[in-house]
Structures are given as structure tokens and as C-alpha cells.
C-alpha atoms as a PDB file:
ATOM      1  CA  SER A   1     -28.914 183.135 113.742  1.00  0.00           C
ATOM      2  CA  PHE A   2     -30.015 179.609 114.735  1.00  0.00           C
ATOM      3  CA  LEU A   3     -33.333 180.039 112.680  1.00  0.00           C
ATOM      4  CA  ASN A   4     -31.340 181.472 109.804  1.00  0.00           C
ATOM      5  CA  ALA A   5     -29.052 178.387 109.881  1.00  0.00           C
ATOM      6  CA  ILE A   6     -32.057 175.988 109.561  1.00  0.00           C
ATOM      7  CA  LYS A   7     -34.044 177.831 107.115  1.00  0.00           C
ATOM      8  CA  ILE A   8     -34.922 175.986 103.802  1.00  0.00           C
ATOM      9  CA  ASP A   9     -32.147 176.861 101.354  1.00  0.00           C
ATOM     10  CA  ASN A  10     -33.660 175.308  98.188  1.00  0.00           C
ATOM     11  CA  TYR A  11     -36.885 177.134  98.225  1.00  0.00           C
ATOM     12  CA  ASN A  12     -36.787 178.040  94.426  1.00  0.00           C
ATOM     13  CA  GLN A  13     -36.154 174.371  93.500  1.00  0.00           C
ATOM     14  CA  ILE A  14     -39.033 173.121  95.630  1.00  0.00           C
ATOM     15  CA  GLU A  15     -41.467 175.767  94.344  1.00  0.00           C
ATOM     16  CA  ASN A  16     -40.418 175.068  90.706  1.00  0.00           C
ATOM     17  CA  ARG A  17     -41.135 171.311  91.250  1.00  0.00           C
ATOM     18  CA  TYR A  18     -44.544 172.066  92.810  1.00  0.00           C
ATOM     19  CA  HIS A  19     -45.365 174.209  89.859  1.00  0.00           C
ATOM     20  CA  GLU A  20     -44.125 171.545  87.256  1.00  0.00           C
ATOM     21  CA  ILE A  21     -46.086 168.758  89.006  1.00  0.00           C
ATOM     22  CA  THR A  22     -49.218 170.827  89.313  1.00  0.00           C
ATOM     23  CA  LYS A  23     -49.010 171.980  85.705  1.00  0.00           C
ATOM     24  CA  LYS A  24     -48.667 168.358  84.488  1.00  0.00           C
ATOM     25  CA  LEU A  25     -51.624 167.103  86.495  1.00  0.00           C
ATOM     26  CA  ASN A  26     -53.723 169.906  85.414  1.00  0.00           C
ATOM     27  CA  LYS A  27     -52.809 169.318  81.809  1.00  0.00           C
ATOM     28  CA  THR A  28     -53.570 165.547  82.203  1.00  0.00           C
ATOM     29  CA  PHE A  29     -56.814 165.800  84.137  1.00  0.00           C
ATOM     30  CA  ARG A  30     -58.176 169.168  83.224  1.00  0.00           C
ATOM     31  CA  ASN A  31     -56.516 170.141  79.907  1.00  0.00           C
ATOM     32  CA  THR A  32     -55.259 173.373  81.348  1.00  0.00           C
ATOM     33  CA  ASP A  33     -51.743 174.798  81.780  1.00  0.00           C
ATOM     34  CA  SER A  34     -52.268 176.231  85.258  1.00  0.00           C
ATOM     35  CA  ASP A  35     -49.233 175.586  87.479  1.00  0.00           C
ATOM     36  CA  THR A  36     -50.979 176.707  90.640  1.00  0.00           C
ATOM     37  CA  ALA A  37     -54.591 175.757  90.598  1.00  0.00           C
ATOM     38  CA  ASN A  38     -55.922 172.610  92.206  1.00  0.00           C
ATOM     39  CA  CYS A  39     -52.812 172.177  94.372  1.00  0.00           C
ATOM     40  CA  LEU A  40     -52.592 172.290  98.129  1.00  0.00           C
ATOM     41  CA  GLN A  41     -49.099 172.413  99.800  1.00  0.00           C
ATOM     42  CA  VAL A  42     -49.565 170.540 103.082  1.00  0.00           C
ATOM     43  CA  GLY A  43     -47.222 169.042 105.806  1.00  0.00           C
ATOM     44  CA  SER A  44     -44.445 171.025 107.316  1.00  0.00           C
ATOM     45  CA  TYR A  45     -43.728 172.895 104.179  1.00  0.00           C
ATOM     46  CA  GLY A  46     -47.323 174.053 103.683  1.00  0.00           C
ATOM     47  CA  ARG A  47     -47.411 175.007 107.400  1.00  0.00           C
ATOM     48  CA  TYR A  48     -44.221 177.019 107.091  1.00  0.00           C
ATOM     49  CA  THR A  49     -42.525 174.813 109.663  1.00  0.00           C
ATOM     50  CA  GLY A  50     -40.167 172.949 107.431  1.00  0.00           C
ATOM     51  CA  ILE A  51     -36.357 173.263 107.796  1.00  0.00           C
ATOM     52  CA  LYS A  52     -33.187 173.005 105.763  1.00  0.00           C
ATOM     53  CA  GLY A  53     -32.762 169.407 104.447  1.00  0.00           C
ATOM     54  CA  ILE A  54     -36.557 168.817 104.201  1.00  0.00           C
ATOM     55  CA  SER A  55     -36.891 165.392 102.750  1.00  0.00           C
ATOM     56  CA  ASP A  56     -40.512 164.987 101.920  1.00  0.00           C
ATOM     57  CA  LEU A  57     -42.923 167.439 100.417  1.00  0.00           C
ATOM     58  CA  ASP A  58     -46.597 166.729 100.828  1.00  0.00           C
ATOM     59  CA  MET A  59     -49.001 167.833  98.142  1.00  0.00           C
ATOM     60  CA  LEU A  60     -52.761 167.464  97.639  1.00  0.00           C
ATOM     61  CA  TYR A  61     -53.830 167.517  93.913  1.00  0.00           C
ATOM     62  CA  ILE A  62     -57.528 168.203  93.746  1.00  0.00           C
ATOM     63  CA  MET A  63     -59.126 166.029  91.109  1.00  0.00           C
ATOM     64  CA  PRO A  64     -62.054 167.174  89.014  1.00  0.00           C
ATOM     65  CA  CYS A  65     -65.321 166.134  90.602  1.00  0.00           C
ATOM     66  CA  SER A  66     -66.467 164.844  87.182  1.00  0.00           C
ATOM     67  CA  LEU A  67     -63.905 162.048  87.608  1.00  0.00           C
ATOM     68  CA  TRP A  68     -65.305 160.689  90.778  1.00  0.00           C
ATOM     69  CA  GLU A  69     -67.560 158.131  89.179  1.00  0.00           C
ATOM     70  CA  GLU A  70     -64.569 156.708  87.272  1.00  0.00           C
ATOM     71  CA  TYR A  71     -62.464 156.336  90.368  1.00  0.00           C
ATOM     72  CA  LYS A  72     -64.746 155.858  93.245  1.00  0.00           C
ATOM     73  CA  ASN A  73     -64.468 152.048  93.258  1.00  0.00           C
ATOM     74  CA  SER A  74     -60.750 151.902  92.333  1.00  0.00           C
ATOM     75  CA  PRO A  75     -58.456 153.931  94.484  1.00  0.00           C
ATOM     76  CA  SER A  76     -55.539 152.128  92.987  1.00  0.00           C
ATOM     77  CA  SER A  77     -56.526 153.171  89.492  1.00  0.00           C
ATOM     78  CA  LEU A  78     -56.501 156.803  90.583  1.00  0.00           C
ATOM     79  CA  LEU A  79     -52.922 156.474  92.082  1.00  0.00           C
ATOM     80  CA  LYS A  80     -51.841 154.656  88.838  1.00  0.00           C
ATOM     81  CA  ASP A  81     -53.082 157.278  86.535  1.00  0.00           C
ATOM     82  CA  VAL A  82     -51.423 160.091  88.637  1.00  0.00           C
ATOM     83  CA  LYS A  83     -48.265 158.075  88.583  1.00  0.00           C
ATOM     84  CA  ASP A  84     -48.496 157.558  84.798  1.00  0.00           C
ATOM     85  CA  ALA A  85     -48.959 161.300  84.190  1.00  0.00           C
ATOM     86  CA  LEU A  86     -45.953 162.029  86.308  1.00  0.00           C
ATOM     87  CA  VAL A  87     -43.765 159.331  84.612  1.00  0.00           C
ATOM     88  CA  ASN A  88     -44.614 161.090  81.368  1.00  0.00           C
ATOM     89  CA  ARG A  89     -43.263 164.384  82.854  1.00  0.00           C
ATOM     90  CA  TYR A  90     -40.187 162.841  84.589  1.00  0.00           C
ATOM     91  CA  PRO A  91     -39.217 159.706  82.570  1.00  0.00           C
ATOM     92  CA  ASN A  92     -35.846 159.469  84.280  1.00  0.00           C
ATOM     93  CA  THR A  93     -37.009 159.867  87.926  1.00  0.00           C
ATOM     94  CA  LYS A  94     -38.081 157.084  90.222  1.00  0.00           C
ATOM     95  CA  ILE A  95     -41.860 157.356  90.717  1.00  0.00           C
ATOM     96  CA  LYS A  96     -43.967 154.834  92.624  1.00  0.00           C
ATOM     97  CA  VAL A  97     -47.340 154.294  94.120  1.00  0.00           C
ATOM     98  CA  ASP A  98     -47.170 153.934  97.912  1.00  0.00           C
ATOM     99  CA  ARG A  99     -50.612 152.980  99.363  1.00  0.00           C
ATOM    100  CA  LEU A 100     -51.969 156.551  99.859  1.00  0.00           C
ATOM    101  CA  VAL A 101     -49.720 158.703  97.577  1.00  0.00           C
ATOM    102  CA  VAL A 102     -47.580 158.763  94.532  1.00  0.00           C
ATOM    103  CA  ASP A 103     -43.928 159.306  95.478  1.00  0.00           C
ATOM    104  CA  VAL A 104     -41.676 161.314  93.152  1.00  0.00           C
ATOM    105  CA  ILE A 105     -38.157 160.606  94.255  1.00  0.00           C
ATOM    106  CA  PHE A 106     -35.810 163.325  93.282  1.00  0.00           C
ATOM    107  CA  SER A 107     -32.112 163.339  94.407  1.00  0.00           C
ATOM    108  CA  ASN A 108     -32.517 165.697  97.329  1.00  0.00           C
ATOM    109  CA  PHE A 109     -36.213 165.320  98.312  1.00  0.00           C
ATOM    110  CA  THR A 110     -39.386 163.358  97.640  1.00  0.00           C
ATOM    111  CA  PHE A 111     -42.742 164.622  96.632  1.00  0.00           C
ATOM    112  CA  GLU A 112     -45.764 162.742  98.124  1.00  0.00           C
ATOM    113  CA  ILE A 113     -48.643 163.550  95.862  1.00  0.00           C
ATOM    114  CA  GLN A 114     -52.078 162.681  97.232  1.00  0.00           C
ATOM    115  CA  PRO A 115     -54.845 163.032  94.629  1.00  0.00           C
ATOM    116  CA  VAL A 116     -58.124 163.955  96.408  1.00  0.00           C
ATOM    117  CA  PHE A 117     -61.712 164.720  95.673  1.00  0.00           C
ATOM    118  CA  GLU A 118     -63.042 167.920  97.331  1.00  0.00           C
ATOM    119  CA  GLN A 119     -66.201 167.511  99.405  1.00  0.00           C
ATOM    120  CA  LYS A 120     -68.452 170.146 100.988  1.00  0.00           C
ATOM    121  CA  ASP A 121     -70.669 169.896 104.098  1.00  0.00           C
ATOM    122  CA  GLY A 122     -72.154 173.340 104.420  1.00  0.00           C
ATOM    123  CA  ASN A 123     -69.235 175.649 104.829  1.00  0.00           C
ATOM    124  CA  ASP A 124     -66.833 172.836 105.721  1.00  0.00           C
ATOM    125  CA  ILE A 125     -64.470 171.619 103.048  1.00  0.00           C
ATOM    126  CA  TYR A 126     -62.692 168.241 103.330  1.00  0.00           C
ATOM    127  CA  TYR A 127     -61.255 165.776 100.960  1.00  0.00           C
ATOM    128  CA  LYS A 128     -61.549 162.078  99.969  1.00  0.00           C
ATOM    129  CA  TYR A 129     -58.248 160.428  99.394  1.00  0.00           C
ATOM    130  CA  PRO A 130     -57.366 156.912  98.186  1.00  0.00           C
ATOM    131  CA  ASP A 131     -56.055 154.151 100.431  1.00  0.00           C
ATOM    132  CA  THR A 132     -55.185 150.943  98.480  1.00  0.00           C
ATOM    133  CA  TYR A 133     -54.766 148.780 101.689  1.00  0.00           C
ATOM    134  CA  ASN A 134     -56.991 145.668 101.842  1.00  0.00           C
ATOM    135  CA  GLY A 135     -58.776 146.063  98.558  1.00  0.00           C
ATOM    136  CA  GLY A 136     -58.950 149.928  98.712  1.00  0.00           C
ATOM    137  CA  CYS A 137     -61.186 152.542 100.054  1.00  0.00           C
ATOM    138  CA  TYR A 138     -61.405 156.401 100.458  1.00  0.00           C
ATOM    139  CA  LYS A 139     -60.657 158.142 103.627  1.00  0.00           C
ATOM    140  CA  ILE A 140     -61.150 161.706 104.773  1.00  0.00           C
ATOM    141  CA  THR A 141     -58.658 164.449 105.396  1.00  0.00           C
ATOM    142  CA  LYS A 142     -59.204 168.078 106.594  1.00  0.00           C
ATOM    143  CA  PRO A 143     -55.995 169.999 105.817  1.00  0.00           C
ATOM    144  CA  LYS A 144     -57.769 173.309 105.683  1.00  0.00           C
ATOM    145  CA  HIS A 145     -58.651 172.927 109.442  1.00  0.00           C
ATOM    146  CA  GLU A 146     -54.908 172.480 110.286  1.00  0.00           C
ATOM    147  CA  GLN A 147     -53.978 175.501 108.144  1.00  0.00           C
ATOM    148  CA  LYS A 148     -56.669 177.659 109.647  1.00  0.00           C
ATOM    149  CA  ALA A 149     -55.549 176.724 113.097  1.00  0.00           C
ATOM    150  CA  MET A 150     -51.872 177.658 112.343  1.00  0.00           C
ATOM    151  CA  THR A 151     -52.985 180.895 110.752  1.00  0.00           C
ATOM    152  CA  ASP A 152     -55.302 181.691 113.684  1.00  0.00           C
ATOM    153  CA  PHE A 153     -52.497 180.879 116.135  1.00  0.00           C
ATOM    154  CA  ASN A 154     -50.133 183.038 114.197  1.00  0.00           C
ATOM    155  CA  GLN A 155     -52.562 186.096 114.144  1.00  0.00           C
ATOM    156  CA  GLN A 156     -53.081 185.661 117.987  1.00  0.00           C
ATOM    157  CA  TYR A 157     -49.554 185.060 119.109  1.00  0.00           C
ATOM    158  CA  GLY A 158     -47.167 185.885 116.338  1.00  0.00           C
ATOM    159  CA  GLN A 159     -44.483 183.782 114.669  1.00  0.00           C
ATOM    160  CA  ALA A 160     -43.080 182.239 117.912  1.00  0.00           C
ATOM    161  CA  HIS A 161     -44.944 178.955 117.438  1.00  0.00           C
ATOM    162  CA  ARG A 162     -43.510 178.315 113.891  1.00  0.00           C
ATOM    163  CA  HIS A 163     -40.080 179.158 115.043  1.00  0.00           C
ATOM    164  CA  LEU A 164     -40.480 176.713 117.967  1.00  0.00           C
ATOM    165  CA  CYS A 165     -41.681 174.032 115.572  1.00  0.00           C
ATOM    166  CA  LYS A 166     -38.577 174.532 113.454  1.00  0.00           C
ATOM    167  CA  MET A 167     -36.376 174.415 116.366  1.00  0.00           C
ATOM    168  CA  VAL A 168     -37.875 171.200 117.693  1.00  0.00           C
ATOM    169  CA  ARG A 169     -37.671 169.502 114.309  1.00  0.00           C
ATOM    170  CA  ALA A 170     -33.959 170.573 114.045  1.00  0.00           C
ATOM    171  CA  TRP A 171     -33.308 169.062 117.487  1.00  0.00           C
ATOM    172  CA  LYS A 172     -35.265 165.869 116.694  1.00  0.00           C
ATOM    173  CA  ASN A 173     -33.347 165.426 113.367  1.00  0.00           C
ATOM    174  CA  ASN A 174     -29.907 165.965 114.978  1.00  0.00           C
ATOM    175  CA  VAL A 175     -30.321 164.653 118.611  1.00  0.00           C
ATOM    176  CA  GLY A 176     -33.688 163.269 119.351  1.00  0.00           C
ATOM    177  CA  GLN A 177     -33.241 160.063 117.361  1.00  0.00           C
ATOM    178  CA  ASN A 178     -30.150 158.883 119.169  1.00  0.00           C
END
């Protein structure tokens, strides 16, 4: 009953926003209407460890590799162009660039969209993401490694680890910060 009490209760709204944002970015950067392609849900929501009242939703948007040359020397331009696309979709919503991401601040949660460029090293897939600090650069993230570790653990031991993650998060949110 405790897990039921802390489960995400606005799943449909969150999923609809993921699809809207993905569709707008795909239309802007790829001229396609897909609302699922080129998006990775990461963070606690993407790991299925988020709980009721989740405040930030992390999303990677995979940019077309053909745009790398345009943005490789200007991480801030990449974030600005993603922001501009989203301002066009959500003209009455606060949207801002925040060093590594574009924040779309809705009334009950914030989407943190990180545009990335996919890289491959043999069978390994990773992503370059923009960092605007100190003149700007690109850094590396490997979210698929984290997702695979969670999936492998789940297959080996069952759902208990995700349940524990949710319970610890609920404790931290309600007791652990005092």
C-alpha cells in the first residue's frame, strides 16, 4: 500500500508532454512528425524509480549527426536553438537555458531537455552533450549503460531494487532533508 501511495499519479500528463516536446524537436530539426523517435527518457522517470510529486523530468534529445559541424564549436547556440523551438511550441511557458539543458517549467514539473549527439565506439553508444560553462565545450554521457545495469539487475533480482529506490526517495523527500 505504501508503494501504491507514492506511485506517479500524473503519468498521462508526463507522457503527453514527452511526446509533444519530442514531436516539436523532431519537426524543427528533422522535419518529421514523430513523437517518439530520437528521445531518451533518463533520470528517475526513465529508470522507473520516480515517485508521486516528481519535479524534474530528464530527457535526452538526439540531434541529427548532420548538424554536428554547425554546433560543435558553439554549445550555447545548440541550447538556444532548442529553446527557441520549444518557445514556439509553448509561448506562454517559462523556458530557459541552464548551462547543460533547456528547462521547460510547467506548473507542476520541469522538463530538463539535454540535446545530444550520438557517438559510437565499436558496440558502445554514448552521447556528447553541451556545457556552456567557461566558454563552452562538449562532455560525454552514457545513459544506456545505466539503463542496462538497471535492466540486468531487474532480470537477476526482480523489482525489489526499484521499489527500494522509490521508498528511499520518498523518505528523503519527507524526512531526510530535515
